[in-house]
Amino acid sequence: MNQANQHQQRQQALAPLYRSEPWDMLIIGGGITGAGIAREAARRGLAVLLIEQKDFAWGTSSRSSKMVHGGLRYIASGDYKTTLLSVRERERMLSEASGLVNEMHYVMPHYKGKFPPPWIFNTLLRVYDKLAGQRYFKYFKKDAFLSSNPGIKRENFLGASQFSDAVTDDSRLVMRVLDEAIHDGAHAINYLKAESLITNEQGLVVGASLVDTASQNSTATYDIYAKVVVSATGAWADTLRMQASAQTEQSFHKQIRPSRGSHLVVSQERLPINQAYTFLHPVDKRAIFVFPWENRTVLGTTDLDHPPLDDNEVGITNAEVDYLLAATNDLFNNAHLNREDVISTWAGVRPLISDRGDGNRVSPSKEKRDHSVWLDNNLVTVSGGKLTTFRLIALDVLKTCQKVLALDGVAIQDHTHLNDQVFSKLVPTNPKFATLPVSLQQRLKGFYGRQLDALLELAHDGDLAYVTDSNTIWAEIRFAARYEQVIHLDDLLLRRTRLGLILLHGAMTPPISDRLKQICQQELGWDEQKWQQEVDRYQELWQRYYYLPAA
């Protein structure tokens, strides 16, 4: 491979921008919502272009709590509809996306005099299971539970309730949905920013001016026209809406309430668990989760109002670190976790929809998780909602698009999340597949679907081995570098794989970093100078946003 590899890959990715005809749909935003819309639009035969100003899944969709859940707490708050839709989508994803979306048991320990008492929580769980059409609920008496969960606080312990939800790799879910969209004819390009909207004489949005942000030295701009423009920018949604409405910032009524959720990652040796625990923080009684993920243990999440957003990363604060450690050490009272145990952190911003003025706001945890769709002068904007319901959100967006886009009678119908024939019934033809452990076979099928044969074909000697004690094999890194529009090292280590979140020092320790360097040189054509530039950039970013803040 030669030095020009990445440039050639980039030029190939940008080629759709030279299309002579208007697109049917331009989607701005490369998270799970945008990917889901692209998938549903493309499968209906629409000419779709999706663009993302950073990397795919860069925002909220790589920084969630990784949970595909129905929202048990929404029943308690009376939001029955959100729970019903969510649990049905959860069951659907578990069925269709095994290996990428997997069932995970959750337990709620009960203590004398503490809320919720078992009878209340177990009543909620029976309703939860009834909505899902499945029986997951179990109740464990004191001695039976403590014998298999010796690490939790024993004083005043009554018993524990168990239920099930699901866990995923959120950024890989985005890439899988995008792959399905591309297979059906959509085009997706990262590092393209919608600098401004294009309007016609009537003030209707007819396109957007795009700027290539892949290189600091790039000044390339593209005017892209489309019959409908969809903004799926999540917590950043108000920015383009304000442009489309032609209002000033002072007169525009903002409806997005950014809420930050932060997480800590520790080793399984320091906190060994094989199921998720949910419990209330001893100080503010907010729900906290501690769960196994990628051979590590994750502590999360906070729920705090976040300052107005810019284009920079979001990081955890020292107060949040202390908050999560305190809650975990209260339940696992012999663990004595401290800052030295933290491998990495991540923080994301949820786009909550709030019609309340600042003076009438409830806490972020009590805001509803519904999504909203707005139509402003032909700009369709969507924000809010949950990872679990991305497909339903996409269908709602297409229904709104019908008001401005002739879909030629194509109905907005119910479809599977992903191509079922390819996804869950796929049988790779490459003989290397049969040599892999069954658990890895299932994971790779879920993560890569129709691309799995290409991944195996690309693998060099030794590439089918795991990267140390992670669930990731070296072939995944090589495949991402070759085929998944990797521009920067953080694309590769924080989103295409999650090695930067689960390995010490963000995976930048020999011999791992040496082999990463070799793959990037072979697949991206990075020379020594380019590699060092990317390492410096990545380490600065990781230290500031994916590790502990300065004390």
Protein backbone atom coordinates (compact mmCIF):
# COMPACT_ATOMS: atom_id res chain seq x y z
CA MET A 1 0.00 0.00 0.00
CA ASN A 2 1.23 3.50 -0.73
CA GLN A 3 1.06 6.96 0.75
CA ALA A 4 -1.88 7.97 -1.44
CA ASN A 5 -4.25 5.40 0.06
CA GLN A 6 -6.20 7.70 2.35
CA HIS A 7 -6.42 10.43 -0.30
CA GLN A 8 -7.76 7.90 -2.82
CA GLN A 9 -10.27 6.58 -0.31
CA ARG A 10 -11.43 10.12 0.44
CA GLN A 11 -11.85 11.04 -3.22
CA GLN A 12 -13.89 7.91 -3.75
CA ALA A 13 -16.09 8.76 -0.76
CA LEU A 14 -16.67 12.31 -2.07
CA ALA A 15 -17.56 11.19 -5.61
CA PRO A 16 -21.37 11.26 -5.00
CA LEU A 17 -21.17 15.02 -4.38
CA TYR A 18 -20.76 15.55 -8.13
CA ARG A 19 -24.20 14.13 -8.93
CA SER A 20 -25.89 16.36 -11.51
CA GLU A 21 -29.49 15.87 -10.35
CA PRO A 22 -30.96 16.95 -7.01
CA TRP A 23 -31.10 14.26 -4.37
CA ASP A 24 -34.48 13.11 -3.11
CA MET A 25 -33.24 13.48 0.45
CA LEU A 26 -30.23 15.11 2.09
CA ILE A 27 -29.77 13.93 5.68
CA ILE A 28 -27.56 16.02 7.95
CA GLY A 29 -26.32 13.97 10.90
CA GLY A 30 -24.54 10.62 11.01
CA GLY A 31 -25.76 9.19 14.31
CA ILE A 32 -28.28 6.38 14.79
CA THR A 33 -31.23 8.64 13.92
CA GLY A 34 -29.73 9.80 10.63
CA ALA A 35 -28.60 6.27 9.78
CA GLY A 36 -32.06 4.90 10.50
CA ILE A 37 -33.71 7.53 8.29
CA ALA A 38 -31.24 6.79 5.47
CA ARG A 39 -32.01 3.09 5.78
CA GLU A 40 -35.77 3.52 5.63
CA ALA A 41 -35.62 6.07 2.80
CA ALA A 42 -33.19 4.05 0.68
CA ARG A 43 -35.18 0.85 0.98
CA ARG A 44 -38.11 2.78 -0.51
CA GLY A 45 -36.07 3.68 -3.56
CA LEU A 46 -35.22 7.29 -2.71
CA ALA A 47 -31.91 8.84 -3.76
CA VAL A 48 -30.36 9.57 -0.35
CA LEU A 49 -27.20 11.40 0.70
CA LEU A 50 -26.22 11.42 4.37
CA ILE A 51 -23.47 13.70 5.64
CA GLU A 52 -21.84 14.05 9.06
CA GLN A 53 -19.66 17.00 10.07
CA LYS A 54 -17.42 14.87 12.30
CA ASP A 55 -17.24 11.09 12.20
CA PHE A 56 -20.16 8.68 11.99
CA ALA A 57 -21.62 8.22 15.50
CA TRP A 58 -19.25 10.92 16.79
CA GLY A 59 -21.90 12.58 18.95
CA THR A 60 -24.44 10.95 21.23
CA SER A 61 -24.55 7.69 19.27
CA SER A 62 -21.10 6.54 20.41
CA ARG A 63 -21.47 7.88 23.94
CA SER A 64 -24.74 6.36 25.13
CA SER A 65 -25.05 3.91 28.00
CA LYS A 66 -25.01 1.09 25.39
CA MET A 67 -28.43 -0.08 26.54
CA VAL A 68 -31.26 -1.12 24.26
CA HIS A 69 -33.98 -0.90 26.88
CA GLY A 70 -37.69 -0.41 27.14
CA GLY A 71 -37.55 2.28 29.79
CA LEU A 72 -38.86 0.65 32.93
CA ARG A 73 -38.95 3.96 34.77
CA TYR A 74 -41.31 5.41 32.17
CA ILE A 75 -44.07 3.09 33.44
CA ALA A 76 -43.64 4.55 36.91
CA SER A 77 -43.96 8.07 35.49
CA GLY A 78 -47.08 7.13 33.53
CA ASP A 79 -45.44 7.15 30.10
CA TYR A 80 -46.98 3.83 29.09
CA LYS A 81 -46.77 4.44 25.34
CA THR A 82 -43.00 5.04 25.29
CA THR A 83 -42.42 1.84 27.26
CA LEU A 84 -44.73 -0.22 25.05
CA LEU A 85 -43.06 0.90 21.82
CA SER A 86 -39.59 0.53 23.31
CA VAL A 87 -39.97 -3.01 24.63
CA ARG A 88 -41.41 -4.15 21.32
CA GLU A 89 -38.46 -2.63 19.46
CA ARG A 90 -36.07 -4.19 21.97
CA GLU A 91 -37.54 -7.64 21.35
CA ARG A 92 -37.35 -7.07 17.62
CA MET A 93 -33.69 -6.10 17.76
CA LEU A 94 -32.82 -9.05 19.98
CA SER A 95 -34.39 -11.33 17.39
CA GLU A 96 -32.94 -9.73 14.28
CA ALA A 97 -29.57 -8.45 15.49
CA SER A 98 -28.18 -11.19 17.69
CA GLY A 99 -24.46 -10.71 18.25
CA LEU A 100 -24.79 -6.94 18.08
CA VAL A 101 -27.78 -6.52 20.39
CA ASN A 102 -27.72 -9.07 23.21
CA GLU A 103 -29.89 -9.80 26.21
CA MET A 104 -28.52 -8.66 29.55
CA HIS A 105 -29.91 -9.48 33.00
CA TYR A 106 -30.43 -6.61 35.42
CA VAL A 107 -30.92 -6.92 39.16
CA MET A 108 -32.34 -4.42 41.62
CA PRO A 109 -31.18 -5.15 45.20
CA HIS A 110 -33.76 -4.27 47.88
CA TYR A 111 -32.93 -2.98 51.36
CA LYS A 112 -35.09 -2.51 54.41
CA GLY A 113 -36.54 0.98 54.56
CA LYS A 114 -35.22 1.91 51.10
CA PHE A 115 -37.23 2.69 47.99
CA PRO A 116 -38.44 0.87 46.00
CA PRO A 117 -39.78 -1.95 48.17
CA PRO A 118 -39.90 -5.32 46.42
CA TRP A 119 -43.69 -5.44 45.99
CA ILE A 120 -43.79 -2.13 44.10
CA PHE A 121 -40.82 -2.90 41.87
CA ASN A 122 -42.00 -6.43 41.12
CA THR A 123 -45.43 -5.14 40.11
CA LEU A 124 -43.71 -2.83 37.61
CA LEU A 125 -41.66 -5.75 36.29
CA ARG A 126 -44.76 -7.86 35.67
CA VAL A 127 -46.25 -5.02 33.64
CA TYR A 128 -42.94 -4.60 31.83
CA ASP A 129 -42.87 -8.26 30.84
CA LYS A 130 -46.51 -8.18 29.77
CA LEU A 131 -45.80 -5.30 27.39
CA ALA A 132 -42.88 -7.25 25.91
CA GLY A 133 -44.81 -10.49 25.62
CA GLN A 134 -41.98 -12.28 27.45
CA ARG A 135 -41.39 -13.57 30.97
CA TYR A 136 -38.06 -12.31 32.30
CA PHE A 137 -38.93 -11.38 35.88
CA LYS A 138 -37.46 -13.37 38.78
CA TYR A 139 -37.21 -12.64 42.48
CA PHE A 140 -34.29 -13.93 44.55
CA LYS A 141 -34.52 -14.29 48.30
CA LYS A 142 -31.75 -12.98 50.52
CA ASP A 143 -29.55 -16.04 51.02
CA ALA A 144 -29.86 -17.33 47.45
CA PHE A 145 -28.84 -14.00 45.99
CA LEU A 146 -25.98 -13.26 48.39
CA SER A 147 -24.43 -16.66 47.75
CA SER A 148 -23.95 -15.78 44.08
CA ASN A 149 -23.43 -12.04 44.58
CA PRO A 150 -21.05 -11.82 47.56
CA GLY A 151 -19.74 -8.36 46.68
CA ILE A 152 -22.82 -6.29 47.48
CA LYS A 153 -23.73 -4.63 50.77
CA ARG A 154 -25.36 -7.17 53.13
CA GLU A 155 -26.70 -4.95 55.92
CA ASN A 156 -30.54 -4.77 55.84
CA PHE A 157 -30.59 -6.67 52.51
CA LEU A 158 -34.00 -8.19 51.71
CA GLY A 159 -33.65 -9.78 48.28
CA ALA A 160 -33.28 -8.82 44.61
CA SER A 161 -35.50 -8.52 41.57
CA GLN A 162 -34.17 -9.58 38.18
CA PHE A 163 -35.40 -8.42 34.78
CA SER A 164 -33.93 -8.30 31.28
CA ASP A 165 -33.10 -5.62 28.76
CA ALA A 166 -30.35 -5.56 26.14
CA VAL A 167 -26.87 -4.18 25.55
CA THR A 168 -25.09 -3.19 22.33
CA ASP A 169 -22.09 -1.44 20.86
CA ASP A 170 -23.84 1.77 19.86
CA SER A 171 -21.35 3.03 17.28
CA ARG A 172 -21.17 -0.39 15.58
CA LEU A 173 -24.96 -0.36 15.44
CA VAL A 174 -24.75 2.92 13.52
CA MET A 175 -22.24 1.41 11.07
CA ARG A 176 -24.42 -1.68 10.53
CA VAL A 177 -27.52 0.40 9.81
CA LEU A 178 -25.51 2.66 7.49
CA ASP A 179 -24.18 -0.40 5.68
CA GLU A 180 -27.74 -1.58 5.07
CA ALA A 181 -28.67 1.89 3.78
CA ILE A 182 -25.67 1.92 1.44
CA HIS A 183 -26.54 -1.54 0.17
CA ASP A 184 -29.94 -0.16 -0.85
CA GLY A 185 -28.39 2.75 -2.71
CA ALA A 186 -27.81 5.50 -0.14
CA HIS A 187 -24.51 7.36 0.09
CA ALA A 188 -22.93 8.35 3.41
CA ILE A 189 -19.93 10.67 3.86
CA ASN A 190 -18.28 11.73 7.10
CA TYR A 191 -16.36 14.94 7.80
CA LEU A 192 -18.71 17.10 5.71
CA LYS A 193 -20.25 20.01 7.58
CA ALA A 194 -23.49 21.71 6.56
CA GLU A 195 -22.19 25.26 6.78
CA SER A 196 -25.48 26.86 5.74
CA LEU A 197 -28.83 26.02 4.23
CA ILE A 198 -29.74 26.94 0.65
CA THR A 199 -33.17 28.51 0.17
CA ASN A 200 -35.14 29.45 -2.93
CA GLU A 201 -36.99 32.70 -3.66
CA GLN A 202 -39.92 31.58 -1.53
CA GLY A 203 -37.65 31.00 1.45
CA LEU A 204 -38.00 27.21 1.26
CA VAL A 205 -34.98 25.06 2.05
CA VAL A 206 -33.73 23.33 -1.10
CA GLY A 207 -30.25 22.17 -0.10
CA ALA A 208 -27.14 22.96 1.89
CA SER A 209 -23.63 24.28 1.37
CA LEU A 210 -21.15 21.69 2.62
CA VAL A 211 -17.56 22.15 3.75
CA ASP A 212 -15.01 19.34 3.78
CA THR A 213 -13.63 19.15 7.33
CA ALA A 214 -11.44 16.07 6.83
CA SER A 215 -8.36 18.25 6.66
CA GLN A 216 -7.55 21.49 8.43
CA ASN A 217 -6.14 22.77 5.14
CA SER A 218 -9.20 21.89 3.08
CA THR A 219 -11.30 24.72 1.65
CA ALA A 220 -13.47 22.55 -0.60
CA THR A 221 -17.16 23.47 -0.55
CA TYR A 222 -20.12 21.83 -2.25
CA ASP A 223 -23.62 23.14 -2.89
CA ILE A 224 -25.93 20.14 -2.65
CA TYR A 225 -29.58 20.33 -3.68
CA ALA A 226 -32.34 18.02 -2.50
CA LYS A 227 -36.11 17.77 -2.65
CA VAL A 228 -36.16 17.56 1.13
CA VAL A 229 -33.47 18.27 3.73
CA VAL A 230 -33.61 16.37 7.03
CA SER A 231 -31.70 17.59 10.07
CA ALA A 232 -30.93 14.67 12.39
CA THR A 233 -28.30 16.47 14.43
CA GLY A 234 -29.64 15.55 17.87
CA ALA A 235 -28.56 17.97 20.57
CA TRP A 236 -27.43 20.42 17.86
CA ALA A 237 -30.84 20.50 16.13
CA ASP A 238 -31.80 24.05 17.08
CA THR A 239 -28.94 25.54 15.02
CA LEU A 240 -30.28 24.58 11.58
CA ARG A 241 -33.89 25.06 12.66
CA MET A 242 -33.10 28.66 13.50
CA GLN A 243 -31.55 29.12 10.04
CA ALA A 244 -34.60 27.63 8.32
CA SER A 245 -37.02 29.78 10.28
CA ALA A 246 -35.01 32.92 9.46
CA GLN A 247 -35.29 34.05 13.08
CA THR A 248 -32.63 35.64 15.21
CA GLU A 249 -31.17 33.78 18.15
CA GLN A 250 -33.01 36.18 20.46
CA SER A 251 -36.44 35.52 18.91
CA PHE A 252 -36.04 31.80 18.19
CA HIS A 253 -37.66 29.48 20.75
CA LYS A 254 -35.13 26.74 21.47
CA GLN A 255 -36.60 23.39 22.40
CA ILE A 256 -33.50 21.24 22.81
CA ARG A 257 -32.32 20.81 26.37
CA PRO A 258 -28.82 19.25 26.31
CA SER A 259 -28.33 16.79 29.15
CA ARG A 260 -24.94 15.23 29.85
CA GLY A 261 -24.56 11.59 30.82
CA SER A 262 -21.10 10.42 31.91
CA HIS A 263 -19.56 7.01 32.54
CA LEU A 264 -16.50 5.36 34.10
CA VAL A 265 -14.80 2.16 32.91
CA VAL A 266 -12.95 -0.08 35.35
CA SER A 267 -11.47 -3.56 35.04
CA GLN A 268 -13.49 -6.68 35.79
CA GLU A 269 -10.78 -7.68 38.24
CA ARG A 270 -11.60 -4.63 40.37
CA LEU A 271 -15.36 -5.09 40.09
CA PRO A 272 -16.20 -8.58 38.79
CA ILE A 273 -19.84 -8.85 37.70
CA ASN A 274 -21.67 -10.92 35.09
CA GLN A 275 -24.95 -9.03 35.06
CA ALA A 276 -26.10 -5.43 35.36
CA TYR A 277 -27.07 -3.85 38.67
CA THR A 278 -29.51 -0.98 38.89
CA PHE A 279 -29.94 0.94 42.12
CA LEU A 280 -30.66 4.39 43.47
CA HIS A 281 -27.87 6.80 44.31
CA PRO A 282 -27.69 7.25 48.10
CA VAL A 283 -27.66 11.04 47.78
CA ASP A 284 -30.17 12.11 45.14
CA LYS A 285 -32.03 8.79 44.57
CA ARG A 286 -31.35 8.80 40.82
CA ALA A 287 -31.10 5.42 39.08
CA ILE A 288 -27.50 4.25 38.56
CA PHE A 289 -26.28 1.29 36.51
CA VAL A 290 -23.20 -0.88 36.89
CA PHE A 291 -22.89 -3.36 34.04
CA PRO A 292 -20.44 -5.60 32.16
CA TRP A 293 -19.40 -4.42 28.70
CA GLU A 294 -16.55 -5.52 26.42
CA ASN A 295 -14.83 -7.47 29.23
CA ARG A 296 -14.88 -4.41 31.46
CA THR A 297 -17.26 -2.95 34.07
CA VAL A 298 -19.04 0.34 33.36
CA LEU A 299 -20.43 2.74 35.96
CA GLY A 300 -23.09 5.16 34.78
CA THR A 301 -24.78 7.43 34.30
CA THR A 302 -25.18 11.02 35.38
CA ASP A 303 -27.94 13.29 34.10
CA LEU A 304 -27.03 16.98 34.22
CA ASP A 305 -27.90 20.06 32.23
CA HIS A 306 -25.06 20.77 29.81
CA PRO A 307 -23.96 24.24 28.69
CA PRO A 308 -24.79 25.37 25.12
CA LEU A 309 -23.01 23.10 22.67
CA ASP A 310 -20.22 23.87 20.24
CA ASP A 311 -18.36 21.51 17.89
CA ASN A 312 -15.96 20.24 20.56
CA GLU A 313 -15.94 16.97 22.45
CA VAL A 314 -17.74 16.53 25.76
CA GLY A 315 -15.99 15.22 28.87
CA ILE A 316 -16.76 14.11 32.40
CA THR A 317 -16.27 16.43 35.37
CA ASN A 318 -14.59 15.67 38.69
CA ALA A 319 -17.93 16.00 40.45
CA GLU A 320 -19.39 13.31 38.20
CA VAL A 321 -16.40 11.02 38.82
CA ASP A 322 -16.93 11.34 42.58
CA TYR A 323 -20.70 10.89 42.17
CA LEU A 324 -20.39 7.59 40.27
CA LEU A 325 -17.66 6.20 42.52
CA ALA A 326 -19.67 7.06 45.63
CA ALA A 327 -22.79 5.30 44.36
CA THR A 328 -20.90 2.18 43.31
CA ASN A 329 -18.92 1.96 46.55
CA ASP A 330 -22.15 2.31 48.52
CA LEU A 331 -23.61 -0.84 46.93
CA PHE A 332 -20.35 -2.76 46.52
CA ASN A 333 -19.09 -1.63 49.88
CA ASN A 334 -15.93 -3.76 49.88
CA ALA A 335 -14.79 -2.70 46.42
CA HIS A 336 -13.26 0.62 47.52
CA LEU A 337 -12.97 1.88 43.94
CA ASN A 338 -11.02 5.09 43.46
CA ARG A 339 -9.73 7.27 40.65
CA GLU A 340 -6.69 5.04 40.13
CA ASP A 341 -9.00 2.21 39.08
CA VAL A 342 -10.50 4.15 36.17
CA ILE A 343 -9.36 2.92 32.74
CA SER A 344 -11.30 5.50 30.75
CA THR A 345 -14.38 7.71 30.78
CA TRP A 346 -16.91 8.89 28.27
CA ALA A 347 -19.61 11.55 28.29
CA GLY A 348 -22.41 12.21 25.85
CA VAL A 349 -25.17 14.77 25.51
CA ARG A 350 -28.77 13.63 25.25
CA PRO A 351 -31.12 15.88 23.26
CA LEU A 352 -34.09 16.25 25.59
CA ILE A 353 -37.16 18.02 24.25
CA SER A 354 -38.46 20.63 26.66
CA ASP A 355 -41.22 23.19 26.18
CA ARG A 356 -40.76 24.58 29.66
CA GLY A 357 -39.05 27.86 30.32
CA ASP A 358 -35.87 27.80 32.38
CA GLY A 359 -37.76 28.82 35.50
CA ASN A 360 -40.25 25.94 35.25
CA ARG A 361 -37.90 23.10 34.37
CA VAL A 362 -37.91 19.76 36.11
CA SER A 363 -34.65 17.86 36.59
CA PRO A 364 -33.26 16.33 33.37
CA SER A 365 -34.01 12.83 34.70
CA LYS A 366 -37.72 13.66 34.79
CA GLU A 367 -37.98 15.00 31.24
CA LYS A 368 -39.75 12.69 28.83
CA ARG A 369 -37.64 10.80 26.28
CA ASP A 370 -40.10 11.30 23.40
CA HIS A 371 -38.82 12.44 20.04
CA SER A 372 -40.22 15.39 18.12
CA VAL A 373 -40.34 16.18 14.40
CA TRP A 374 -40.67 19.75 13.11
CA LEU A 375 -41.24 21.11 9.59
CA ASP A 376 -39.82 24.60 8.98
CA ASN A 377 -39.88 25.88 5.40
CA ASN A 378 -39.15 22.42 3.96
CA LEU A 379 -36.51 21.59 6.56
CA VAL A 380 -37.55 18.50 8.49
CA THR A 381 -35.90 18.35 11.91
CA VAL A 382 -35.95 15.44 14.31
CA SER A 383 -34.51 15.26 17.80
CA GLY A 384 -35.01 13.47 21.09
CA GLY A 385 -36.04 9.86 21.48
CA LYS A 386 -34.11 6.77 22.47
CA LEU A 387 -31.55 4.53 20.82
CA THR A 388 -34.03 1.66 21.08
CA THR A 389 -36.69 3.35 18.96
CA PHE A 390 -34.51 4.67 16.13
CA ARG A 391 -36.54 2.77 13.50
CA LEU A 392 -39.85 4.21 14.69
CA ILE A 393 -38.32 7.68 14.73
CA ALA A 394 -37.20 7.19 11.12
CA LEU A 395 -40.72 6.19 10.06
CA ASP A 396 -42.16 9.31 11.70
CA VAL A 397 -39.64 11.44 9.82
CA LEU A 398 -40.62 9.86 6.50
CA LYS A 399 -44.29 10.56 7.21
CA THR A 400 -43.43 14.23 7.71
CA CYS A 401 -41.32 14.20 4.54
CA GLN A 402 -44.39 13.10 2.59
CA LYS A 403 -45.74 16.62 3.08
CA VAL A 404 -42.96 18.08 0.92
CA LEU A 405 -41.68 15.10 -1.07
CA ALA A 406 -43.68 13.07 -3.55
CA LEU A 407 -42.94 9.48 -2.60
CA ASP A 408 -44.73 8.20 -5.73
CA GLY A 409 -47.22 6.27 -3.66
CA VAL A 410 -44.55 4.37 -1.74
CA ALA A 411 -46.14 3.54 1.58
CA ILE A 412 -44.42 4.08 4.90
CA GLN A 413 -44.60 0.45 5.93
CA ASP A 414 -43.27 -1.59 8.79
CA HIS A 415 -40.03 -3.38 7.97
CA THR A 416 -37.37 -5.27 9.86
CA HIS A 417 -34.55 -3.24 11.38
CA LEU A 418 -31.97 -4.80 9.14
CA ASN A 419 -32.08 -7.12 6.17
CA ASP A 420 -33.12 -10.33 7.89
CA GLN A 421 -31.97 -12.61 5.10
CA VAL A 422 -28.50 -11.13 5.25
CA PHE A 423 -28.25 -10.32 8.92
CA SER A 424 -29.40 -13.23 11.04
CA LYS A 425 -29.38 -16.01 8.44
CA LEU A 426 -26.06 -15.13 6.92
CA VAL A 427 -23.66 -18.00 6.29
CA PRO A 428 -20.19 -16.67 5.40
CA THR A 429 -18.49 -18.58 2.62
CA ASN A 430 -14.92 -17.80 3.66
CA PRO A 431 -13.36 -20.96 5.19
CA LYS A 432 -11.67 -18.87 7.89
CA PHE A 433 -15.07 -18.39 9.53
CA ALA A 434 -15.33 -22.04 10.59
CA THR A 435 -12.03 -21.77 12.49
CA LEU A 436 -13.36 -19.06 14.83
CA PRO A 437 -14.90 -19.66 18.27
CA VAL A 438 -18.70 -19.77 18.18
CA SER A 439 -19.01 -16.66 20.34
CA LEU A 440 -16.78 -14.72 17.94
CA GLN A 441 -18.71 -16.03 14.93
CA GLN A 442 -21.95 -14.70 16.42
CA ARG A 443 -20.39 -11.35 17.30
CA LEU A 444 -18.85 -10.81 13.86
CA LYS A 445 -22.10 -11.75 12.10
CA GLY A 446 -23.90 -9.18 14.21
CA PHE A 447 -21.27 -6.48 13.79
CA TYR A 448 -20.58 -6.85 10.06
CA GLY A 449 -23.44 -8.72 8.36
CA ARG A 450 -22.90 -8.90 4.61
CA GLN A 451 -19.40 -7.45 4.99
CA LEU A 452 -18.10 -10.39 7.01
CA ASP A 453 -16.67 -12.29 4.05
CA ALA A 454 -14.81 -9.15 2.95
CA LEU A 455 -13.40 -8.75 6.47
CA LEU A 456 -12.18 -12.36 6.54
CA GLU A 457 -10.73 -12.12 3.04
CA LEU A 458 -8.72 -9.05 4.04
CA ALA A 459 -7.28 -10.64 7.18
CA HIS A 460 -3.50 -11.11 7.27
CA ASP A 461 -1.70 -13.79 9.26
CA GLY A 462 -2.48 -13.29 12.92
CA ASP A 463 -5.37 -10.89 12.26
CA LEU A 464 -7.98 -13.33 13.56
CA ALA A 465 -6.45 -13.19 17.03
CA TYR A 466 -7.96 -11.05 19.77
CA VAL A 467 -6.35 -7.73 20.68
CA THR A 468 -5.08 -8.71 24.16
CA ASP A 469 -8.09 -9.41 26.43
CA SER A 470 -10.64 -7.48 24.37
CA ASN A 471 -13.42 -8.98 22.22
CA THR A 472 -11.96 -7.24 19.15
CA ILE A 473 -9.79 -9.05 16.61
CA TRP A 474 -7.06 -7.36 14.56
CA ALA A 475 -8.96 -8.01 11.32
CA GLU A 476 -11.65 -5.57 12.45
CA ILE A 477 -9.08 -2.78 12.68
CA ARG A 478 -7.71 -3.58 9.23
CA PHE A 479 -11.21 -3.77 7.72
CA ALA A 480 -12.26 -0.44 9.24
CA ALA A 481 -9.10 1.27 7.99
CA ARG A 482 -9.64 -0.05 4.47
CA TYR A 483 -13.40 0.30 4.05
CA GLU A 484 -15.04 2.47 6.72
CA GLN A 485 -13.90 6.03 5.95
CA VAL A 486 -11.36 6.29 8.75
CA ILE A 487 -9.85 9.79 8.70
CA HIS A 488 -8.29 10.03 12.15
CA LEU A 489 -6.90 7.60 14.71
CA ASP A 490 -9.78 8.35 17.10
CA ASP A 491 -12.24 7.17 14.41
CA LEU A 492 -10.50 3.82 14.55
CA LEU A 493 -10.02 3.46 18.31
CA LEU A 494 -13.09 5.18 19.76
CA ARG A 495 -15.84 4.35 17.25
CA ARG A 496 -15.00 1.64 14.66
CA THR A 497 -13.57 -0.30 17.58
CA ARG A 498 -13.76 0.57 21.29
CA LEU A 499 -10.16 -0.24 22.14
CA GLY A 500 -9.57 3.35 23.27
CA LEU A 501 -12.23 2.91 25.95
CA ILE A 502 -11.21 -0.48 27.31
CA LEU A 503 -7.40 -0.61 27.08
CA LEU A 504 -4.99 1.30 29.29
CA HIS A 505 -3.79 4.64 27.95
CA GLY A 506 -6.33 4.48 25.15
CA ALA A 507 -4.52 1.47 23.56
CA MET A 508 -1.37 3.55 22.98
CA THR A 509 1.06 1.13 24.63
CA PRO A 510 3.49 -1.27 22.90
CA PRO A 511 3.12 -3.81 21.37
CA ILE A 512 -0.50 -2.84 20.60
CA SER A 513 0.40 0.62 19.29
CA ASP A 514 3.19 -0.88 17.15
CA ARG A 515 0.77 -3.17 15.39
CA LEU A 516 -1.82 -0.39 15.03
CA LYS A 517 0.86 1.69 13.36
CA GLN A 518 1.67 -1.13 10.94
CA ILE A 519 -1.98 -1.57 9.95
CA CYS A 520 -2.49 2.17 9.44
CA GLN A 521 0.63 2.34 7.30
CA GLN A 522 -0.51 -0.61 5.20
CA GLU A 523 -4.17 0.32 4.80
CA LEU A 524 -4.13 4.14 4.99
CA GLY A 525 -0.67 4.87 3.65
CA TRP A 526 0.36 6.86 6.73
CA ASP A 527 4.07 7.58 6.84
CA GLU A 528 6.04 8.12 10.05
CA GLN A 529 5.18 11.82 10.21
CA LYS A 530 1.47 11.27 9.63
CA TRP A 531 1.34 8.48 12.21
CA GLN A 532 3.01 10.66 14.84
CA GLN A 533 0.67 13.56 14.06
CA GLU A 534 -2.33 11.29 14.56
CA VAL A 535 -0.90 9.80 17.76
CA ASP A 536 -0.29 13.28 19.22
CA ARG A 537 -3.77 14.42 18.22
CA TYR A 538 -5.39 11.28 19.64
CA GLN A 539 -3.52 11.28 22.92
CA GLU A 540 -4.38 14.91 23.58
CA LEU A 541 -8.05 14.25 22.81
CA TRP A 542 -8.14 11.02 24.86
CA GLN A 543 -6.47 12.58 27.88
CA ARG A 544 -8.83 15.53 27.87
CA TYR A 545 -12.16 13.88 27.07
CA TYR A 546 -11.86 10.13 27.64
CA TYR A 547 -9.87 9.97 30.84
CA LEU A 548 -10.07 11.63 34.23
CA PRO A 549 -10.15 15.42 34.34
CA ALA A 550 -7.37 17.12 36.25
CA ALA A 551 -7.97 16.87 39.98
